[in-house]
Amino acid sequence: MKQYLFLALISTQLIYAQNDSIAESDEGWYRGGKATFLFNQSAFSEWASGGQNSVSLSFHADYDLRYKKNGWNWDTKFLGDFGLTKISGAKFLRKTNDRIDLQSFLGKSFSEEWSYSTVFGVKTQFARGYKFGKDSEGEETRTLKTQFFSPVYIQLGVGLYWKKNNDLWVNIAPFTQRLTLVSRKFTNDLEQGQEYFGVRKGDNHRFELGASINAFYKFLPLENITLEQRLGLYSDYLDKAENIDLDYQVSVEMEVNDYISTNLIMQLVYDDNAVQTLQVRQVFGIGLRIKLK
């Protein structure tokens, strides 16, 4: 039900935005993006209500590569996030975020705003992920749970691409295959019937065939404030088609000047092959912004 609510929300905003957007006709290559470094610190000294000192640093990259010529559109976007935090008294550094997300759309237009499309996507992470706990003596422990390319999601689909402009588009792919790859070191020791990101004991992959919807909307609600929304939905025809995977992210950036900005990123993920509950990620901080070409 939550997935459908978010789809309805973004659909309403997309319909509203049609009256405000102007179609873009520039042909040729476009390259550009930004990199942002976010810093957060908490410090306490004799604080009556308690608290732990902590320092965190995170990195966010957003890069676009586009080509338009003779009715062909090739839109590629790369998103990268990585963050670490150090908590006073903790034995290990901990990740605050970690993501690699590459999406590429190739379309051949048959009207002013509609195209036949092929979509290709890759999602994984940069570094190892751990589950933290304590041993019988109270010492902090960590257990390896994920790593680079384990898991990795590779998606390929065909369908229709509606693009009002570079800030507003929707891709609908009713035939989309998704391949989940993992290292066997995470599946060899599974209990019978247990799965690792949907991959069974002793296997290193999971194949899915279904439908996907991807949407993007970017606008300026106020001067110097940019709001971006991204939506990804996926339904597997072969297994529990009613369990729709959700990946929704909203990013708000308030420019202080050409180099400093305040950033808020919130991401909601639902994938019952990974965790059978809604996952929530939020990052907020003051950032140093660098433009990429």
Protein backbone atom coordinates (compact mmCIF):
# COMPACT_ATOMS: atom_id res chain seq x y z
CA MET A 1 0.00 0.00 0.00
CA LYS A 2 2.85 2.40 0.82
CA GLN A 3 4.29 1.92 -2.67
CA TYR A 4 1.03 2.99 -4.30
CA LEU A 5 0.78 6.07 -2.08
CA PHE A 6 4.19 7.27 -3.18
CA LEU A 7 3.37 6.59 -6.82
CA ALA A 8 0.19 8.63 -6.49
CA LEU A 9 2.14 11.45 -4.83
CA ILE A 10 4.74 11.78 -7.55
CA SER A 11 2.15 11.32 -10.31
CA THR A 12 0.21 14.30 -8.96
CA GLN A 13 3.37 16.40 -8.96
CA LEU A 14 4.27 15.32 -12.49
CA ILE A 15 0.83 16.30 -13.79
CA TYR A 16 1.07 19.66 -12.05
CA ALA A 17 4.53 20.31 -13.47
CA GLN A 18 3.42 19.88 -17.09
CA ASN A 19 2.04 23.41 -17.09
CA ASP A 20 5.30 24.91 -15.83
CA SER A 21 7.89 23.09 -17.95
CA ILE A 22 9.24 24.08 -21.33
CA ALA A 23 10.42 21.41 -23.75
CA GLU A 24 14.14 21.52 -24.50
CA SER A 25 15.39 21.22 -28.08
CA ASP A 26 19.18 21.62 -27.80
CA GLU A 27 20.95 18.80 -29.65
CA GLY A 28 24.41 17.33 -29.14
CA TRP A 29 26.33 16.40 -25.99
CA TYR A 30 25.87 17.62 -22.44
CA ARG A 31 28.13 16.74 -19.51
CA GLY A 32 27.90 18.11 -16.02
CA GLY A 33 27.22 17.49 -12.37
CA LYS A 34 28.31 18.25 -8.85
CA ALA A 35 30.14 16.74 -5.91
CA THR A 36 29.20 17.65 -2.34
CA PHE A 37 31.07 17.02 0.91
CA LEU A 38 28.89 17.11 4.04
CA PHE A 39 30.32 17.51 7.55
CA ASN A 40 28.58 16.99 10.89
CA GLN A 41 29.93 17.16 14.44
CA SER A 42 28.42 16.70 17.89
CA ALA A 43 30.40 17.55 21.05
CA PHE A 44 29.38 17.35 24.74
CA SER A 45 31.16 18.30 27.94
CA GLU A 46 29.54 17.65 31.34
CA TRP A 47 26.16 17.67 29.55
CA ALA A 48 23.49 16.87 32.13
CA SER A 49 21.21 14.91 29.80
CA GLY A 50 24.12 12.93 28.33
CA GLY A 51 25.41 12.50 24.81
CA GLN A 52 28.24 11.06 22.77
CA ASN A 53 30.81 13.01 20.80
CA SER A 54 30.74 12.14 17.11
CA VAL A 55 32.20 13.30 13.81
CA SER A 56 30.83 12.32 10.42
CA LEU A 57 31.83 13.09 6.86
CA SER A 58 29.92 12.10 3.75
CA PHE A 59 30.37 12.49 0.00
CA HIS A 60 27.67 12.81 -2.65
CA ALA A 61 28.21 12.83 -6.43
CA ASP A 62 25.60 13.55 -9.09
CA TYR A 63 26.70 13.46 -12.74
CA ASP A 64 24.75 13.59 -16.01
CA LEU A 65 25.78 12.58 -19.51
CA ARG A 66 23.25 13.26 -22.27
CA TYR A 67 23.13 13.10 -26.05
CA LYS A 68 20.34 14.19 -28.40
CA LYS A 69 20.36 13.94 -32.19
CA ASN A 70 17.86 13.13 -34.97
CA GLY A 71 15.19 11.88 -32.60
CA TRP A 72 17.59 9.81 -30.49
CA ASN A 73 17.97 10.52 -26.77
CA TRP A 74 20.60 8.96 -24.54
CA ASP A 75 20.34 10.02 -20.89
CA THR A 76 22.76 8.63 -18.32
CA LYS A 77 22.91 9.56 -14.64
CA PHE A 78 25.40 8.48 -12.00
CA LEU A 79 24.73 8.87 -8.27
CA GLY A 80 27.31 8.05 -5.63
CA ASP A 81 27.10 8.37 -1.85
CA PHE A 82 29.56 7.39 0.84
CA GLY A 83 29.79 8.47 4.46
CA LEU A 84 31.54 7.49 7.67
CA THR A 85 31.01 8.44 11.29
CA LYS A 86 33.25 8.11 14.33
CA ILE A 87 31.46 7.86 17.67
CA SER A 88 33.38 8.50 20.87
CA GLY A 89 34.16 5.24 22.63
CA ALA A 90 33.26 3.05 19.67
CA LYS A 91 35.84 0.56 18.44
CA PHE A 92 34.94 0.75 14.75
CA LEU A 93 34.07 3.40 12.19
CA ARG A 94 30.52 3.08 10.91
CA LYS A 95 29.01 3.87 7.53
CA THR A 96 26.28 6.46 7.34
CA ASN A 97 25.55 5.88 3.64
CA ASP A 98 26.98 3.89 0.76
CA ARG A 99 25.53 3.72 -2.74
CA ILE A 100 26.46 3.41 -6.40
CA ASP A 101 23.53 3.99 -8.76
CA LEU A 102 23.93 4.17 -12.54
CA GLN A 103 20.92 4.50 -14.85
CA SER A 104 20.98 4.90 -18.62
CA PHE A 105 18.05 5.44 -20.99
CA LEU A 106 18.24 5.15 -24.77
CA GLY A 107 15.18 6.35 -26.65
CA LYS A 108 14.01 6.87 -30.24
CA SER A 109 11.21 9.42 -30.38
CA PHE A 110 7.95 8.86 -32.26
CA SER A 111 6.33 12.12 -31.07
CA GLU A 112 7.41 15.35 -29.45
CA GLU A 113 7.55 13.89 -25.93
CA TRP A 114 7.30 10.08 -26.34
CA SER A 115 10.03 7.61 -27.28
CA TYR A 116 10.56 3.88 -27.51
CA SER A 117 13.14 3.15 -24.84
CA THR A 118 15.72 0.75 -23.50
CA VAL A 119 16.74 1.18 -19.87
CA PHE A 120 19.89 -0.17 -18.23
CA GLY A 121 20.74 0.17 -14.55
CA VAL A 122 23.33 -0.95 -12.01
CA LYS A 123 23.06 -0.57 -8.24
CA THR A 124 25.63 -1.63 -5.65
CA GLN A 125 27.89 -0.14 -2.97
CA PHE A 126 31.48 1.04 -2.55
CA ALA A 127 32.65 -0.69 0.63
CA ARG A 128 31.97 -3.52 3.04
CA GLY A 129 28.92 -3.39 5.27
CA TYR A 130 28.83 -4.83 8.79
CA LYS A 131 26.31 -5.80 11.45
CA PHE A 132 27.47 -4.56 14.83
CA GLY A 133 26.95 -6.18 18.19
CA LYS A 134 28.67 -7.12 21.45
CA ASP A 135 30.26 -10.34 22.68
CA SER A 136 29.77 -12.00 26.05
CA GLU A 137 32.35 -9.67 27.62
CA GLY A 138 30.68 -6.54 26.31
CA GLU A 139 33.26 -5.87 23.61
CA GLU A 140 32.03 -4.42 20.34
CA THR A 141 31.99 -6.89 17.44
CA ARG A 142 31.14 -6.68 13.77
CA THR A 143 30.07 -9.28 11.23
CA LEU A 144 30.51 -8.85 7.48
CA LYS A 145 27.12 -8.65 5.74
CA THR A 146 27.74 -6.99 2.34
CA GLN A 147 30.58 -5.81 0.12
CA PHE A 148 31.30 -4.21 -3.25
CA PHE A 149 29.23 -6.04 -5.91
CA SER A 150 27.61 -8.26 -3.30
CA PRO A 151 24.85 -7.59 -3.82
CA VAL A 152 24.74 -5.88 -7.20
CA TYR A 153 21.48 -5.33 -9.09
CA ILE A 154 21.66 -5.25 -12.91
CA GLN A 155 18.49 -4.23 -14.70
CA LEU A 156 17.62 -4.18 -18.41
CA GLY A 157 14.22 -3.36 -19.85
CA VAL A 158 12.29 -2.06 -22.86
CA GLY A 159 9.27 0.19 -22.95
CA LEU A 160 8.18 3.80 -23.40
CA TYR A 161 9.93 7.01 -22.32
CA TRP A 162 8.00 10.23 -21.72
CA LYS A 163 10.22 13.30 -21.40
CA LYS A 164 8.92 16.82 -21.00
CA ASN A 165 12.45 18.17 -20.48
CA ASN A 166 15.61 17.25 -18.61
CA ASP A 167 13.92 18.01 -15.28
CA LEU A 168 10.78 15.95 -15.81
CA TRP A 169 10.50 12.45 -17.26
CA VAL A 170 8.93 9.01 -16.74
CA ASN A 171 10.05 5.66 -18.14
CA ILE A 172 7.66 2.69 -18.22
CA ALA A 173 9.22 -0.68 -19.04
CA PRO A 174 6.68 -3.57 -18.94
CA PHE A 175 9.40 -6.08 -19.84
CA THR A 176 12.35 -5.69 -17.46
CA GLN A 177 14.78 -8.35 -16.36
CA ARG A 178 16.72 -7.91 -13.13
CA LEU A 179 19.73 -9.95 -12.09
CA THR A 180 20.94 -9.96 -8.49
CA LEU A 181 24.55 -11.15 -8.08
CA VAL A 182 26.18 -11.99 -4.73
CA SER A 183 29.31 -13.70 -3.47
CA ARG A 184 28.86 -17.37 -2.56
CA LYS A 185 30.69 -16.77 0.71
CA PHE A 186 27.45 -15.18 1.94
CA THR A 187 25.19 -18.02 0.73
CA ASN A 188 27.22 -21.19 1.39
CA ASP A 189 26.51 -21.14 5.12
CA LEU A 190 22.81 -20.27 4.91
CA GLU A 191 20.26 -22.49 6.61
CA GLN A 192 18.02 -24.54 4.34
CA GLY A 193 15.24 -22.28 3.06
CA GLN A 194 17.08 -19.11 4.12
CA GLU A 195 17.93 -16.50 1.47
CA TYR A 196 20.48 -13.71 1.07
CA PHE A 197 18.93 -10.78 -0.84
CA GLY A 198 16.65 -13.31 -2.49
CA VAL A 199 19.51 -15.66 -3.47
CA ARG A 200 19.21 -19.24 -2.23
CA LYS A 201 21.74 -21.33 -0.35
CA GLY A 202 24.88 -22.06 -2.41
CA ASP A 203 23.81 -19.88 -5.37
CA ASN A 204 25.33 -16.60 -6.51
CA HIS A 205 22.47 -15.07 -8.50
CA ARG A 206 18.73 -14.48 -8.70
CA PHE A 207 16.89 -13.82 -11.98
CA GLU A 208 13.69 -11.79 -12.12
CA LEU A 209 11.41 -10.79 -15.00
CA GLY A 210 8.88 -8.06 -14.43
CA ALA A 211 7.88 -4.45 -14.99
CA SER A 212 9.56 -1.23 -13.88
CA ILE A 213 8.67 2.44 -13.62
CA ASN A 214 11.26 5.18 -13.17
CA ALA A 215 10.47 8.86 -12.77
CA PHE A 216 12.38 12.10 -12.10
CA TYR A 217 11.18 15.57 -11.21
CA LYS A 218 13.31 18.61 -10.37
CA PHE A 219 12.10 22.12 -9.62
CA LEU A 220 12.81 25.28 -7.59
CA PRO A 221 10.10 25.83 -4.93
CA LEU A 222 11.89 28.99 -3.78
CA GLU A 223 14.84 31.03 -4.96
CA ASN A 224 18.17 29.24 -4.30
CA ILE A 225 16.37 26.05 -3.23
CA THR A 226 16.38 23.00 -5.51
CA LEU A 227 14.19 19.96 -4.87
CA GLU A 228 14.69 16.68 -6.72
CA GLN A 229 12.55 13.55 -6.57
CA ARG A 230 13.39 10.12 -7.96
CA LEU A 231 11.07 7.14 -8.00
CA GLY A 232 11.79 3.54 -8.91
CA LEU A 233 9.19 0.75 -8.83
CA TYR A 234 9.65 -2.90 -9.78
CA SER A 235 7.29 -5.89 -9.82
CA ASP A 236 8.53 -9.42 -10.48
CA TYR A 237 6.09 -11.42 -12.63
CA LEU A 238 7.73 -14.69 -11.58
CA ASP A 239 7.46 -14.36 -7.79
CA LYS A 240 4.97 -12.37 -5.69
CA ALA A 241 4.11 -9.75 -8.30
CA GLU A 242 2.00 -7.90 -5.72
CA ASN A 243 5.15 -7.17 -3.64
CA ILE A 244 6.30 -4.04 -5.45
CA ASP A 245 9.88 -2.93 -4.76
CA LEU A 246 10.10 0.77 -3.98
CA ASP A 247 13.04 3.19 -4.18
CA TYR A 248 12.01 6.79 -3.56
CA GLN A 249 14.44 9.63 -2.86
CA VAL A 250 13.92 13.32 -2.27
CA SER A 251 16.88 15.72 -2.21
CA VAL A 252 16.71 19.36 -1.12
CA GLU A 253 19.62 21.73 -1.64
CA MET A 254 19.69 25.32 -0.40
CA GLU A 255 22.49 27.35 -1.94
CA VAL A 256 24.32 29.69 0.43
CA ASN A 257 26.80 30.76 -2.25
CA ASP A 258 28.64 29.18 -5.20
CA TYR A 259 30.53 26.77 -2.93
CA ILE A 260 28.48 26.28 0.25
CA SER A 261 25.05 24.66 0.50
CA THR A 262 22.75 23.02 3.02
CA ASN A 263 21.64 19.55 1.93
CA LEU A 264 18.91 17.16 2.97
CA ILE A 265 18.59 13.70 1.44
CA MET A 266 15.84 11.26 2.40
CA GLN A 267 15.48 7.84 0.83
CA LEU A 268 12.78 5.22 1.34
CA VAL A 269 13.40 1.66 0.14
CA TYR A 270 11.20 -1.41 0.27
CA ASP A 271 12.51 -4.74 -1.03
CA ASP A 272 11.30 -7.82 0.80
CA ASN A 273 14.17 -9.87 -0.62
CA ALA A 274 16.54 -7.70 1.43
CA VAL A 275 14.55 -6.59 4.50
CA GLN A 276 10.84 -7.17 4.99
CA THR A 277 10.14 -3.66 6.21
CA LEU A 278 10.44 -0.09 4.96
CA GLN A 279 14.06 1.13 5.02
CA VAL A 280 14.63 4.83 5.71
CA ARG A 281 17.84 6.82 5.16
CA GLN A 282 18.30 10.49 5.99
CA VAL A 283 21.36 12.70 5.58
CA PHE A 284 21.50 16.37 6.56
CA GLY A 285 24.42 18.76 6.78
CA ILE A 286 26.34 21.77 5.57
CA GLY A 287 28.19 20.97 2.37
CA LEU A 288 31.08 22.10 0.25
CA ARG A 289 29.91 21.91 -3.37
CA ILE A 290 32.16 21.46 -6.41
CA LYS A 291 30.86 21.62 -9.95
CA LEU A 292 31.90 18.78 -12.28
CA LYS A 293 32.32 19.04 -16.04
